[in-house]
PDB file of N, CA and C in Angstrom:
ATOM      1  N   UNK A   1      -5.001 -15.775   9.930  1.00  0.00           N
ATOM      2  CA  UNK A   1      -4.309 -14.516   9.738  1.00  0.00           C
ATOM      3  C   UNK A   1      -2.828 -14.726  10.001  1.00  0.00           C
ATOM      4  N   UNK A   2      -1.972 -14.266   9.099  1.00  0.00           N
ATOM      5  CA  UNK A   2      -0.533 -14.325   9.271  1.00  0.00           C
ATOM      6  C   UNK A   2      -0.082 -13.034   9.936  1.00  0.00           C
ATOM      7  N   UNK A   3       0.711 -13.121  10.948  1.00  0.00           N
ATOM      8  CA  UNK A   3       1.204 -11.931  11.621  1.00  0.00           C
ATOM      9  C   UNK A   3       2.319 -11.295  10.807  1.00  0.00           C
ATOM     10  N   UNK A   4       2.441  -9.966  10.890  1.00  0.00           N
ATOM     11  CA  UNK A   4       3.461  -9.267  10.119  1.00  0.00           C
ATOM     12  C   UNK A   4       4.865  -9.664  10.543  1.00  0.00           C
ATOM     13  N   UNK A   5       5.030 -10.291  11.714  1.00  0.00           N
ATOM     14  CA  UNK A   5       6.348 -10.749  12.135  1.00  0.00           C
ATOM     15  C   UNK A   5       6.833 -11.912  11.280  1.00  0.00           C
ATOM     16  N   UNK A   6       5.948 -12.552  10.503  1.00  0.00           N
ATOM     17  CA  UNK A   6       6.328 -13.638   9.609  1.00  0.00           C
ATOM     18  C   UNK A   6       6.924 -13.115   8.305  1.00  0.00           C
ATOM     19  N   UNK A   7       6.916 -11.827   8.115  1.00  0.00           N
ATOM     20  CA  UNK A   7       7.414 -11.198   6.895  1.00  0.00           C
ATOM     21  C   UNK A   7       8.860 -10.780   7.063  1.00  0.00           C
ATOM     22  N   UNK A   8       9.489 -10.465   5.935  1.00  0.00           N
ATOM     23  CA  UNK A   8      10.833  -9.904   5.983  1.00  0.00           C
ATOM     24  C   UNK A   8      10.799  -8.484   6.520  1.00  0.00           C
ATOM     25  N   UNK A   9      11.948  -7.962   6.916  1.00  0.00           N
ATOM     26  CA  UNK A   9      11.979  -6.630   7.522  1.00  0.00           C
ATOM     27  C   UNK A   9      11.484  -5.507   6.605  1.00  0.00           C
ATOM     28  N   UNK A  10      11.752  -5.598   5.327  1.00  0.00           N
ATOM     29  CA  UNK A  10      11.302  -4.537   4.413  1.00  0.00           C
ATOM     30  C   UNK A  10       9.778  -4.543   4.246  1.00  0.00           C
ATOM     31  N   UNK A  11       9.178  -5.733   4.236  1.00  0.00           N
ATOM     32  CA  UNK A  11       7.718  -5.816   4.148  1.00  0.00           C
ATOM     33  C   UNK A  11       7.068  -5.384   5.454  1.00  0.00           C
ATOM     34  N   UNK A  12       7.661  -5.740   6.589  1.00  0.00           N
ATOM     35  CA  UNK A  12       7.137  -5.257   7.875  1.00  0.00           C
ATOM     36  C   UNK A  12       7.194  -3.738   7.921  1.00  0.00           C
ATOM     37  N   UNK A  13       8.264  -3.181   7.377  1.00  0.00           N
ATOM     38  CA  UNK A  13       8.436  -1.725   7.377  1.00  0.00           C
ATOM     39  C   UNK A  13       7.305  -1.030   6.620  1.00  0.00           C
ATOM     40  N   UNK A  14       6.950  -1.520   5.430  1.00  0.00           N
ATOM     41  CA  UNK A  14       5.912  -0.807   4.685  1.00  0.00           C
ATOM     42  C   UNK A  14       4.540  -0.977   5.343  1.00  0.00           C
ATOM     43  N   UNK A  15       4.311  -2.095   6.005  1.00  0.00           N
ATOM     44  CA  UNK A  15       3.053  -2.241   6.750  1.00  0.00           C
ATOM     45  C   UNK A  15       3.029  -1.257   7.916  1.00  0.00           C
ATOM     46  N   UNK A  16       4.138  -1.145   8.631  1.00  0.00           N
ATOM     47  CA  UNK A  16       4.219  -0.206   9.762  1.00  0.00           C
ATOM     48  C   UNK A  16       4.013   1.228   9.293  1.00  0.00           C
ATOM     49  N   UNK A  17       4.628   1.597   8.172  1.00  0.00           N
ATOM     50  CA  UNK A  17       4.472   2.955   7.645  1.00  0.00           C
ATOM     51  C   UNK A  17       3.030   3.215   7.210  1.00  0.00           C
ATOM     52  N   UNK A  18       2.405   2.226   6.573  1.00  0.00           N
ATOM     53  CA  UNK A  18       1.010   2.379   6.157  1.00  0.00           C
ATOM     54  C   UNK A  18       0.099   2.525   7.373  1.00  0.00           C
ATOM     55  N   UNK A  19       0.352   1.733   8.381  1.00  0.00           N
ATOM     56  CA  UNK A  19      -0.439   1.804   9.626  1.00  0.00           C
ATOM     57  C   UNK A  19      -0.287   3.177  10.281  1.00  0.00           C
ATOM     58  N   UNK A  20       0.931   3.694  10.305  1.00  0.00           N
ATOM     59  CA  UNK A  20       1.191   5.009  10.894  1.00  0.00           C
ATOM     60  C   UNK A  20       0.474   6.123  10.138  1.00  0.00           C
ATOM     61  N   UNK A  21       0.481   6.045   8.808  1.00  0.00           N
ATOM     62  CA  UNK A  21      -0.201   7.067   7.998  1.00  0.00           C
ATOM     63  C   UNK A  21      -1.696   7.062   8.276  1.00  0.00           C
ATOM     64  N   UNK A  22      -2.265   5.881   8.391  1.00  0.00           N
ATOM     65  CA  UNK A  22      -3.701   5.750   8.682  1.00  0.00           C
ATOM     66  C   UNK A  22      -4.035   6.380  10.028  1.00  0.00           C
ATOM     67  N   UNK A  23      -3.258   6.049  11.036  1.00  0.00           N
ATOM     68  CA  UNK A  23      -3.514   6.561  12.384  1.00  0.00           C
ATOM     69  C   UNK A  23      -3.249   8.066  12.481  1.00  0.00           C
ATOM     70  N   UNK A  24      -2.131   8.496  11.948  1.00  0.00           N
ATOM     71  CA  UNK A  24      -1.728   9.911  12.042  1.00  0.00           C
ATOM     72  C   UNK A  24      -2.739  10.823  11.364  1.00  0.00           C
ATOM     73  N   UNK A  25      -3.244  10.397  10.219  1.00  0.00           N
ATOM     74  CA  UNK A  25      -4.145  11.244   9.442  1.00  0.00           C
ATOM     75  C   UNK A  25      -5.618  10.992   9.725  1.00  0.00           C
ATOM     76  N   UNK A  26      -5.915   9.974  10.514  1.00  0.00           N
ATOM     77  CA  UNK A  26      -7.304   9.671  10.833  1.00  0.00           C
ATOM     78  C   UNK A  26      -8.137   9.340   9.608  1.00  0.00           C
ATOM     79  N   UNK A  27      -7.536   8.570   8.691  1.00  0.00           N
ATOM     80  CA  UNK A  27      -8.210   8.216   7.443  1.00  0.00           C
ATOM     81  C   UNK A  27      -8.544   6.719   7.439  1.00  0.00           C
ATOM     82  N   UNK A  28      -9.461   6.306   6.573  1.00  0.00           N
ATOM     83  CA  UNK A  28      -9.865   4.894   6.552  1.00  0.00           C
ATOM     84  C   UNK A  28      -8.756   3.920   6.170  1.00  0.00           C
ATOM     85  N   UNK A  29      -7.810   4.376   5.337  1.00  0.00           N
ATOM     86  CA  UNK A  29      -6.737   3.500   4.867  1.00  0.00           C
ATOM     87  C   UNK A  29      -5.401   4.222   4.886  1.00  0.00           C
ATOM     88  N   UNK A  30      -4.365   3.452   5.123  1.00  0.00           N
ATOM     89  CA  UNK A  30      -3.006   3.918   4.940  1.00  0.00           C
ATOM     90  C   UNK A  30      -2.332   2.953   3.988  1.00  0.00           C
ATOM     91  N   UNK A  31      -1.385   3.440   3.211  1.00  0.00           N
ATOM     92  CA  UNK A  31      -0.686   2.575   2.265  1.00  0.00           C
ATOM     93  C   UNK A  31       0.764   3.007   2.136  1.00  0.00           C
ATOM     94  N   UNK A  32       1.581   2.068   1.710  1.00  0.00           N
ATOM     95  CA  UNK A  32       2.981   2.353   1.413  1.00  0.00           C
ATOM     96  C   UNK A  32       3.404   1.461   0.259  1.00  0.00           C
ATOM     97  N   UNK A  33       4.239   1.994  -0.601  1.00  0.00           N
ATOM     98  CA  UNK A  33       4.812   1.219  -1.698  1.00  0.00           C
ATOM     99  C   UNK A  33       6.325   1.388  -1.665  1.00  0.00           C
ATOM    100  N   UNK A  34       7.028   0.354  -2.133  1.00  0.00           N
ATOM    101  CA  UNK A  34       8.492   0.377  -2.221  1.00  0.00           C
ATOM    102  C   UNK A  34       8.871   0.269  -3.689  1.00  0.00           C
ATOM    103  N   UNK A  35       9.696   1.207  -4.153  1.00  0.00           N
ATOM    104  CA  UNK A  35      10.059   1.199  -5.572  1.00  0.00           C
ATOM    105  C   UNK A  35      11.292   0.337  -5.825  1.00  0.00           C
ATOM    106  N   UNK A  36      11.738   0.336  -7.065  1.00  0.00           N
ATOM    107  CA  UNK A  36      12.835  -0.526  -7.498  1.00  0.00           C
ATOM    108  C   UNK A  36      14.169  -0.187  -6.849  1.00  0.00           C
ATOM    109  N   UNK A  37      14.289   0.999  -6.272  1.00  0.00           N
ATOM    110  CA  UNK A  37      15.538   1.388  -5.609  1.00  0.00           C
ATOM    111  C   UNK A  37      15.445   1.260  -4.090  1.00  0.00           C
ATOM    112  N   UNK A  38      14.283   0.832  -3.593  1.00  0.00           N
ATOM    113  CA  UNK A  38      14.093   0.696  -2.153  1.00  0.00           C
ATOM    114  C   UNK A  38      13.465   1.909  -1.494  1.00  0.00           C
ATOM    115  N   UNK A  39      13.221   2.966  -2.267  1.00  0.00           N
ATOM    116  CA  UNK A  39      12.545   4.134  -1.699  1.00  0.00           C
ATOM    117  C   UNK A  39      11.103   3.782  -1.383  1.00  0.00           C
ATOM    118  N   UNK A  40      10.584   4.392  -0.326  1.00  0.00           N
ATOM    119  CA  UNK A  40       9.226   4.111   0.133  1.00  0.00           C
ATOM    120  C   UNK A  40       8.378   5.368   0.048  1.00  0.00           C
ATOM    121  N   UNK A  41       7.145   5.191  -0.382  1.00  0.00           N
ATOM    122  CA  UNK A  41       6.176   6.286  -0.497  1.00  0.00           C
ATOM    123  C   UNK A  41       4.968   5.909   0.342  1.00  0.00           C
ATOM    124  N   UNK A  42       4.535   6.818   1.198  1.00  0.00           N
ATOM    125  CA  UNK A  42       3.484   6.547   2.169  1.00  0.00           C
ATOM    126  C   UNK A  42       2.357   7.544   1.970  1.00  0.00           C
ATOM    127  N   UNK A  43       1.119   7.059   2.061  1.00  0.00           N
ATOM    128  CA  UNK A  43      -0.029   7.940   1.845  1.00  0.00           C
ATOM    129  C   UNK A  43      -1.249   7.444   2.599  1.00  0.00           C
ATOM    130  N   UNK A  44      -2.198   8.336   2.744  1.00  0.00           N
ATOM    131  CA  UNK A  44      -3.504   7.997   3.298  1.00  0.00           C
ATOM    132  C   UNK A  44      -4.568   8.256   2.253  1.00  0.00           C
ATOM    133  N   UNK A  45      -5.785   7.895   2.582  1.00  0.00           N
ATOM    134  CA  UNK A  45      -6.929   8.123   1.709  1.00  0.00           C
ATOM    135  C   UNK A  45      -7.077   9.624   1.433  1.00  0.00           C
ATOM    136  N   UNK A  46      -7.387   9.984   0.193  1.00  0.00           N
ATOM    137  CA  UNK A  46      -7.676  11.372  -0.178  1.00  0.00           C
ATOM    138  C   UNK A  46      -9.162  11.455  -0.479  1.00  0.00           C
ATOM    139  N   UNK A  47      -9.863  12.287   0.278  1.00  0.00           N
ATOM    140  CA  UNK A  47     -11.308  12.434   0.081  1.00  0.00           C
ATOM    141  C   UNK A  47     -11.647  13.918   0.048  1.00  0.00           C
ATOM    142  N   UNK A  48     -11.634  14.484  -1.154  1.00  0.00           N
ATOM    143  CA  UNK A  48     -11.991  15.878  -1.381  1.00  0.00           C
ATOM    144  C   UNK A  48     -13.261  15.924  -2.215  1.00  0.00           C
ATOM    145  N   UNK A  49     -13.882  17.054  -2.250  1.00  0.00           N
ATOM    146  CA  UNK A  49     -15.085  17.184  -3.075  1.00  0.00           C
ATOM    147  C   UNK A  49     -14.775  16.893  -4.547  1.00  0.00           C
ATOM    148  N   UNK A  50     -13.581  17.269  -4.995  1.00  0.00           N
ATOM    149  CA  UNK A  50     -13.239  17.109  -6.411  1.00  0.00           C
ATOM    150  C   UNK A  50     -12.284  15.959  -6.695  1.00  0.00           C
ATOM    151  N   UNK A  51     -11.814  15.265  -5.667  1.00  0.00           N
ATOM    152  CA  UNK A  51     -10.817  14.219  -5.887  1.00  0.00           C
ATOM    153  C   UNK A  51     -10.935  13.156  -4.806  1.00  0.00           C
ATOM    154  N   UNK A  52     -11.106  11.913  -5.224  1.00  0.00           N
ATOM    155  CA  UNK A  52     -11.146  10.783  -4.303  1.00  0.00           C
ATOM    156  C   UNK A  52     -10.152   9.733  -4.774  1.00  0.00           C
ATOM    157  N   UNK A  53      -9.181   9.433  -3.920  1.00  0.00           N
ATOM    158  CA  UNK A  53      -8.188   8.411  -4.213  1.00  0.00           C
ATOM    159  C   UNK A  53      -8.026   7.527  -2.990  1.00  0.00           C
ATOM    160  N   UNK A  54      -7.901   6.246  -3.228  1.00  0.00           N
ATOM    161  CA  UNK A  54      -7.583   5.348  -2.117  1.00  0.00           C
ATOM    162  C   UNK A  54      -6.157   5.640  -1.671  1.00  0.00           C
ATOM    163  N   UNK A  55      -5.812   5.144  -0.514  1.00  0.00           N
ATOM    164  CA  UNK A  55      -4.456   5.328  -0.011  1.00  0.00           C
ATOM    165  C   UNK A  55      -3.436   4.704  -0.958  1.00  0.00           C
ATOM    166  N   UNK A  56      -3.747   3.527  -1.486  1.00  0.00           N
ATOM    167  CA  UNK A  56      -2.802   2.849  -2.376  1.00  0.00           C
ATOM    168  C   UNK A  56      -2.653   3.589  -3.700  1.00  0.00           C
ATOM    169  N   UNK A  57      -3.746   4.091  -4.246  1.00  0.00           N
ATOM    170  CA  UNK A  57      -3.657   4.890  -5.471  1.00  0.00           C
ATOM    171  C   UNK A  57      -2.803   6.131  -5.232  1.00  0.00           C
ATOM    172  N   UNK A  58      -2.958   6.756  -4.076  1.00  0.00           N
ATOM    173  CA  UNK A  58      -2.182   7.954  -3.757  1.00  0.00           C
ATOM    174  C   UNK A  58      -0.702   7.616  -3.617  1.00  0.00           C
ATOM    175  N   UNK A  59      -0.377   6.511  -2.950  1.00  0.00           N
ATOM    176  CA  UNK A  59       1.022   6.111  -2.795  1.00  0.00           C
ATOM    177  C   UNK A  59       1.661   5.799  -4.147  1.00  0.00           C
ATOM    178  N   UNK A  60       0.936   5.120  -5.018  1.00  0.00           N
ATOM    179  CA  UNK A  60       1.448   4.831  -6.364  1.00  0.00           C
ATOM    180  C   UNK A  60       1.670   6.134  -7.128  1.00  0.00           C
ATOM    181  N   UNK A  61       0.719   7.054  -7.040  1.00  0.00           N
ATOM    182  CA  UNK A  61       0.865   8.346  -7.726  1.00  0.00           C
ATOM    183  C   UNK A  61       2.084   9.110  -7.205  1.00  0.00           C
ATOM    184  N   UNK A  62       2.317   9.055  -5.898  1.00  0.00           N
ATOM    185  CA  UNK A  62       3.494   9.721  -5.329  1.00  0.00           C
ATOM    186  C   UNK A  62       4.779   9.097  -5.860  1.00  0.00           C
ATOM    187  N   UNK A  63       4.801   7.781  -5.986  1.00  0.00           N
ATOM    188  CA  UNK A  63       5.979   7.094  -6.520  1.00  0.00           C
ATOM    189  C   UNK A  63       6.231   7.512  -7.966  1.00  0.00           C
ATOM    190  N   UNK A  64       5.184   7.518  -8.769  1.00  0.00           N
ATOM    191  CA  UNK A  64       5.323   7.920 -10.173  1.00  0.00           C
ATOM    192  C   UNK A  64       5.799   9.367 -10.270  1.00  0.00           C
ATOM    193  N   UNK A  65       5.199  10.252  -9.481  1.00  0.00           N
ATOM    194  CA  UNK A  65       5.567  11.664  -9.513  1.00  0.00           C
ATOM    195  C   UNK A  65       7.007  11.893  -9.068  1.00  0.00           C
ATOM    196  N   UNK A  66       7.554  10.960  -8.301  1.00  0.00           N
ATOM    197  CA  UNK A  66       8.935  11.067  -7.820  1.00  0.00           C
ATOM    198  C   UNK A  66       9.934  10.362  -8.730  1.00  0.00           C
ATOM    199  N   UNK A  67       9.449   9.781  -9.831  1.00  0.00           N
ATOM    200  CA  UNK A  67      10.342   9.171 -10.811  1.00  0.00           C
ATOM    201  C   UNK A  67      10.504   7.670 -10.720  1.00  0.00           C
ATOM    202  N   UNK A  68       9.737   7.001  -9.872  1.00  0.00           N
ATOM    203  CA  UNK A  68       9.831   5.544  -9.792  1.00  0.00           C
ATOM    204  C   UNK A  68       9.410   4.932 -11.127  1.00  0.00           C
ATOM    205  N   UNK A  69      10.100   3.868 -11.507  1.00  0.00           N
ATOM    206  CA  UNK A  69       9.756   3.192 -12.758  1.00  0.00           C
ATOM    207  C   UNK A  69       9.208   1.795 -12.531  1.00  0.00           C
ATOM    208  N   UNK A  70       9.246   1.323 -11.277  1.00  0.00           N
ATOM    209  CA  UNK A  70       8.741   0.000 -10.949  1.00  0.00           C
ATOM    210  C   UNK A  70       8.473  -0.079  -9.453  1.00  0.00           C
ATOM    211  N   UNK A  71       7.693  -1.060  -9.046  1.00  0.00           N
ATOM    212  CA  UNK A  71       7.435  -1.300  -7.633  1.00  0.00           C
ATOM    213  C   UNK A  71       7.896  -2.690  -7.252  1.00  0.00           C
ATOM    214  N   UNK A  72       8.466  -2.807  -6.051  1.00  0.00           N
ATOM    215  CA  UNK A  72       8.828  -4.107  -5.497  1.00  0.00           C
ATOM    216  C   UNK A  72       7.687  -4.691  -4.676  1.00  0.00           C
ATOM    217  N   UNK A  73       6.949  -3.824  -3.958  1.00  0.00           N
ATOM    218  CA  UNK A  73       5.877  -4.291  -3.078  1.00  0.00           C
ATOM    219  C   UNK A  73       4.989  -3.132  -2.686  1.00  0.00           C
ATOM    220  N   UNK A  74       3.782  -3.492  -2.235  1.00  0.00           N
ATOM    221  CA  UNK A  74       2.821  -2.502  -1.753  1.00  0.00           C
ATOM    222  C   UNK A  74       2.132  -3.059  -0.517  1.00  0.00           C
ATOM    223  N   UNK A  75       1.683  -2.161   0.357  1.00  0.00           N
ATOM    224  CA  UNK A  75       0.955  -2.575   1.558  1.00  0.00           C
ATOM    225  C   UNK A  75      -0.203  -1.618   1.794  1.00  0.00           C
ATOM    226  N   UNK A  76      -1.321  -2.175   2.261  1.00  0.00           N
ATOM    227  CA  UNK A  76      -2.496  -1.388   2.629  1.00  0.00           C
ATOM    228  C   UNK A  76      -2.926  -1.812   4.016  1.00  0.00           C
ATOM    229  N   UNK A  77      -3.201  -0.833   4.871  1.00  0.00           N
ATOM    230  CA  UNK A  77      -3.768  -1.093   6.189  1.00  0.00           C
ATOM    231  C   UNK A  77      -5.173  -0.520   6.184  1.00  0.00           C
ATOM    232  N   UNK A  78      -6.140  -1.396   6.448  1.00  0.00           N
ATOM    233  CA  UNK A  78      -7.545  -1.029   6.306  1.00  0.00           C
ATOM    234  C   UNK A  78      -8.408  -1.986   7.106  1.00  0.00           C
ATOM    235  N   UNK A  79      -9.659  -1.610   7.301  1.00  0.00           N
ATOM    236  CA  UNK A  79     -10.642  -2.520   7.876  1.00  0.00           C
ATOM    237  C   UNK A  79     -11.053  -3.584   6.856  1.00  0.00           C
ATOM    238  N   UNK A  80     -10.891  -3.282   5.576  1.00  0.00           N
ATOM    239  CA  UNK A  80     -11.303  -4.187   4.508  1.00  0.00           C
ATOM    240  C   UNK A  80     -10.387  -5.406   4.423  1.00  0.00           C
ATOM    241  N   UNK A  81     -10.955  -6.515   4.013  1.00  0.00           N
ATOM    242  CA  UNK A  81     -10.183  -7.748   3.839  1.00  0.00           C
ATOM    243  C   UNK A  81      -9.634  -7.918   2.432  1.00  0.00           C
ATOM    244  N   UNK A  82     -10.021  -7.040   1.517  1.00  0.00           N
ATOM    245  CA  UNK A  82      -9.614  -7.189   0.129  1.00  0.00           C
ATOM    246  C   UNK A  82      -9.139  -5.859  -0.444  1.00  0.00           C
ATOM    247  N   UNK A  83      -8.330  -5.937  -1.475  1.00  0.00           N
ATOM    248  CA  UNK A  83      -7.924  -4.749  -2.222  1.00  0.00           C
ATOM    249  C   UNK A  83      -8.900  -4.565  -3.377  1.00  0.00           C
ATOM    250  N   UNK A  84      -9.209  -3.337  -3.676  1.00  0.00           N
ATOM    251  CA  UNK A  84     -10.135  -3.070  -4.777  1.00  0.00           C
ATOM    252  C   UNK A  84      -9.457  -3.342  -6.116  1.00  0.00           C
ATOM    253  N   UNK A  85     -10.265  -3.538  -7.126  1.00  0.00           N
ATOM    254  CA  UNK A  85      -9.745  -3.739  -8.480  1.00  0.00           C
ATOM    255  C   UNK A  85      -8.938  -2.519  -8.927  1.00  0.00           C
ATOM    256  N   UNK A  86      -9.386  -1.327  -8.562  1.00  0.00           N
ATOM    257  CA  UNK A  86      -8.678  -0.100  -8.939  1.00  0.00           C
ATOM    258  C   UNK A  86      -7.313  -0.026  -8.259  1.00  0.00           C
ATOM    259  N   UNK A  87      -7.239  -0.455  -6.997  1.00  0.00           N
ATOM    260  CA  UNK A  87      -5.951  -0.469  -6.293  1.00  0.00           C
ATOM    261  C   UNK A  87      -4.989  -1.445  -6.952  1.00  0.00           C
ATOM    262  N   UNK A  88      -5.465  -2.637  -7.247  1.00  0.00           N
ATOM    263  CA  UNK A  88      -4.607  -3.635  -7.886  1.00  0.00           C
ATOM    264  C   UNK A  88      -4.162  -3.161  -9.266  1.00  0.00           C
ATOM    265  N   UNK A  89      -5.044  -2.486  -9.988  1.00  0.00           N
ATOM    266  CA  UNK A  89      -4.689  -1.962 -11.313  1.00  0.00           C
ATOM    267  C   UNK A  89      -3.587  -0.912 -11.208  1.00  0.00           C
ATOM    268  N   UNK A  90      -3.666  -0.029 -10.210  1.00  0.00           N
ATOM    269  CA  UNK A  90      -2.636   1.003 -10.039  1.00  0.00           C
ATOM    270  C   UNK A  90      -1.278   0.365  -9.761  1.00  0.00           C
ATOM    271  N   UNK A  91      -1.248  -0.634  -8.888  1.00  0.00           N
ATOM    272  CA  UNK A  91       0.005  -1.326  -8.584  1.00  0.00           C
ATOM    273  C   UNK A  91       0.505  -2.058  -9.831  1.00  0.00           C
ATOM    274  N   UNK A  92      -0.394  -2.717 -10.534  1.00  0.00           N
ATOM    275  CA  UNK A  92      -0.025  -3.465 -11.742  1.00  0.00           C
ATOM    276  C   UNK A  92       0.538  -2.524 -12.817  1.00  0.00           C
ATOM    277  N   UNK A  93      -0.041  -1.336 -12.968  1.00  0.00           N
ATOM    278  CA  UNK A  93       0.430  -0.377 -13.970  1.00  0.00           C
ATOM    279  C   UNK A  93       1.898  -0.010 -13.769  1.00  0.00           C
ATOM    280  N   UNK A  94       2.309   0.125 -12.521  1.00  0.00           N
ATOM    281  CA  UNK A  94       3.686   0.524 -12.254  1.00  0.00           C
ATOM    282  C   UNK A  94       4.591  -0.673 -11.950  1.00  0.00           C
ATOM    283  N   UNK A  95       4.070  -1.655 -11.259  1.00  0.00           N
ATOM    284  CA  UNK A  95       4.918  -2.743 -10.797  1.00  0.00           C
ATOM    285  C   UNK A  95       4.827  -4.027 -11.592  1.00  0.00           C
ATOM    286  N   UNK A  96       3.740  -4.194 -12.322  1.00  0.00           N
ATOM    287  CA  UNK A  96       3.547  -5.438 -13.055  1.00  0.00           C
ATOM    288  C   UNK A  96       2.652  -6.388 -12.292  1.00  0.00           C
ATOM    289  N   UNK A  97       2.203  -7.449 -12.957  1.00  0.00           N
ATOM    290  CA  UNK A  97       1.214  -8.350 -12.360  1.00  0.00           C
ATOM    291  C   UNK A  97       1.725  -9.187 -11.198  1.00  0.00           C
ATOM    292  N   UNK A  98       3.036  -9.343 -11.045  1.00  0.00           N
ATOM    293  CA  UNK A  98       3.573 -10.170  -9.963  1.00  0.00           C
ATOM    294  C   UNK A  98       3.915  -9.375  -8.702  1.00  0.00           C
ATOM    295  N   UNK A  99       3.685  -8.077  -8.706  1.00  0.00           N
ATOM    296  CA  UNK A  99       3.996  -7.248  -7.537  1.00  0.00           C
ATOM    297  C   UNK A  99       3.126  -7.663  -6.359  1.00  0.00           C
ATOM    298  N   UNK A 100       3.732  -7.998  -5.212  1.00  0.00           N
ATOM    299  CA  UNK A 100       2.933  -8.377  -4.052  1.00  0.00           C
ATOM    300  C   UNK A 100       2.233  -7.179  -3.418  1.00  0.00           C
ATOM    301  N   UNK A 101       0.985  -7.404  -3.030  1.00  0.00           N
ATOM    302  CA  UNK A 101       0.196  -6.408  -2.313  1.00  0.00           C
ATOM    303  C   UNK A 101      -0.169  -7.042  -0.971  1.00  0.00           C
ATOM    304  N   UNK A 102       0.333  -6.466   0.103  1.00  0.00           N
ATOM    305  CA  UNK A 102       0.114  -6.966   1.454  1.00  0.00           C
ATOM    306  C   UNK A 102      -1.088  -6.258   2.054  1.00  0.00           C
ATOM    307  N   UNK A 103      -2.061  -7.014   2.518  1.00  0.00           N
ATOM    308  CA  UNK A 103      -3.273  -6.445   3.096  1.00  0.00           C
ATOM    309  C   UNK A 103      -3.246  -6.701   4.595  1.00  0.00           C
ATOM    310  N   UNK A 104      -3.205  -5.620   5.383  1.00  0.00           N
ATOM    311  CA  UNK A 104      -3.111  -5.747   6.837  1.00  0.00           C
ATOM    312  C   UNK A 104      -4.280  -5.039   7.504  1.00  0.00           C
ATOM    313  N   UNK A 105      -4.631  -5.536   8.678  1.00  0.00           N
ATOM    314  CA  UNK A 105      -5.664  -4.913   9.492  1.00  0.00           C
ATOM    315  C   UNK A 105      -5.102  -3.733  10.265  1.00  0.00           C
ATOM    316  N   UNK A 106      -5.970  -2.987  10.940  1.00  0.00           N
ATOM    317  CA  UNK A 106      -5.528  -1.823  11.714  1.00  0.00           C
ATOM    318  C   UNK A 106      -4.488  -2.150  12.789  1.00  0.00           C
ATOM    319  N   UNK A 107      -4.440  -3.395  13.242  1.00  0.00           N
ATOM    320  CA  UNK A 107      -3.454  -3.808  14.241  1.00  0.00           C
ATOM    321  C   UNK A 107      -2.096  -4.111  13.607  1.00  0.00           C
ATOM    322  N   UNK A 108      -2.000  -4.035  12.291  1.00  0.00           N
ATOM    323  CA  UNK A 108      -0.756  -4.323  11.588  1.00  0.00           C
ATOM    324  C   UNK A 108      -0.581  -5.786  11.243  1.00  0.00           C
ATOM    325  N   UNK A 109      -1.532  -6.638  11.652  1.00  0.00           N
ATOM    326  CA  UNK A 109      -1.449  -8.052  11.329  1.00  0.00           C
ATOM    327  C   UNK A 109      -1.786  -8.310   9.869  1.00  0.00           C
ATOM    328  N   UNK A 110      -0.947  -9.090   9.209  1.00  0.00           N
ATOM    329  CA  UNK A 110      -1.165  -9.414   7.801  1.00  0.00           C
ATOM    330  C   UNK A 110      -2.390 -10.303   7.654  1.00  0.00           C
ATOM    331  N   UNK A 111      -3.340  -9.864   6.853  1.00  0.00           N
ATOM    332  CA  UNK A 111      -4.534 -10.668   6.574  1.00  0.00           C
ATOM    333  C   UNK A 111      -4.339 -11.542   5.351  1.00  0.00           C
ATOM    334  N   UNK A 112      -3.711 -10.959   4.331  1.00  0.00           N
ATOM    335  CA  UNK A 112      -3.435 -11.720   3.125  1.00  0.00           C
ATOM    336  C   UNK A 112      -2.383 -11.010   2.293  1.00  0.00           C
ATOM    337  N   UNK A 113      -1.827 -11.763   1.367  1.00  0.00           N
ATOM    338  CA  UNK A 113      -0.887 -11.214   0.394  1.00  0.00           C
ATOM    339  C   UNK A 113      -1.351 -11.707  -0.966  1.00  0.00           C
ATOM    340  N   UNK A 114      -1.552 -10.782  -1.883  1.00  0.00           N
ATOM    341  CA  UNK A 114      -1.996 -11.112  -3.231  1.00  0.00           C
ATOM    342  C   UNK A 114      -1.017 -10.496  -4.210  1.00  0.00           C
ATOM    343  N   UNK A 115      -1.140 -10.861  -5.467  1.00  0.00           N
ATOM    344  CA  UNK A 115      -0.350 -10.175  -6.491  1.00  0.00           C
ATOM    345  C   UNK A 115      -1.262  -9.200  -7.223  1.00  0.00           C
ATOM    346  N   UNK A 116      -0.650  -8.210  -7.840  1.00  0.00           N
ATOM    347  CA  UNK A 116      -1.415  -7.181  -8.526  1.00  0.00           C
ATOM    348  C   UNK A 116      -2.097  -7.686  -9.776  1.00  0.00           C
ATOM    349  N   UNK A 117      -1.651  -8.843 -10.285  1.00  0.00           N
ATOM    350  CA  UNK A 117      -2.164  -9.387 -11.535  1.00  0.00           C
ATOM    351  C   UNK A 117      -3.485  -9.984 -11.413  1.00  0.00           C
TER     352      UNK A 117
END
């Protein structure tokens, strides 16, 4: 496991924000994405009777709704060791196949970094 301290400050920031969203909202996942201008969008899992979105899908949707045209990076804090195909597809749709997706545990430690492609 790579610790988040091995990352640059902007990547540590989105992991910290994702971790905070998860804890604050008491949801299974927290996520944050950084757009092409450096703006950050933070979200937690959405679980309604009529709508279910992962934290990362919600963060991407928030970025799109706010006018983002690209993503620089994404982060997910979860118990899971992997990102779902749907999460990677959402990041790829906005950011492209080379967009890094940082996967961190609840402690904020980086478990892995993959690309959306």
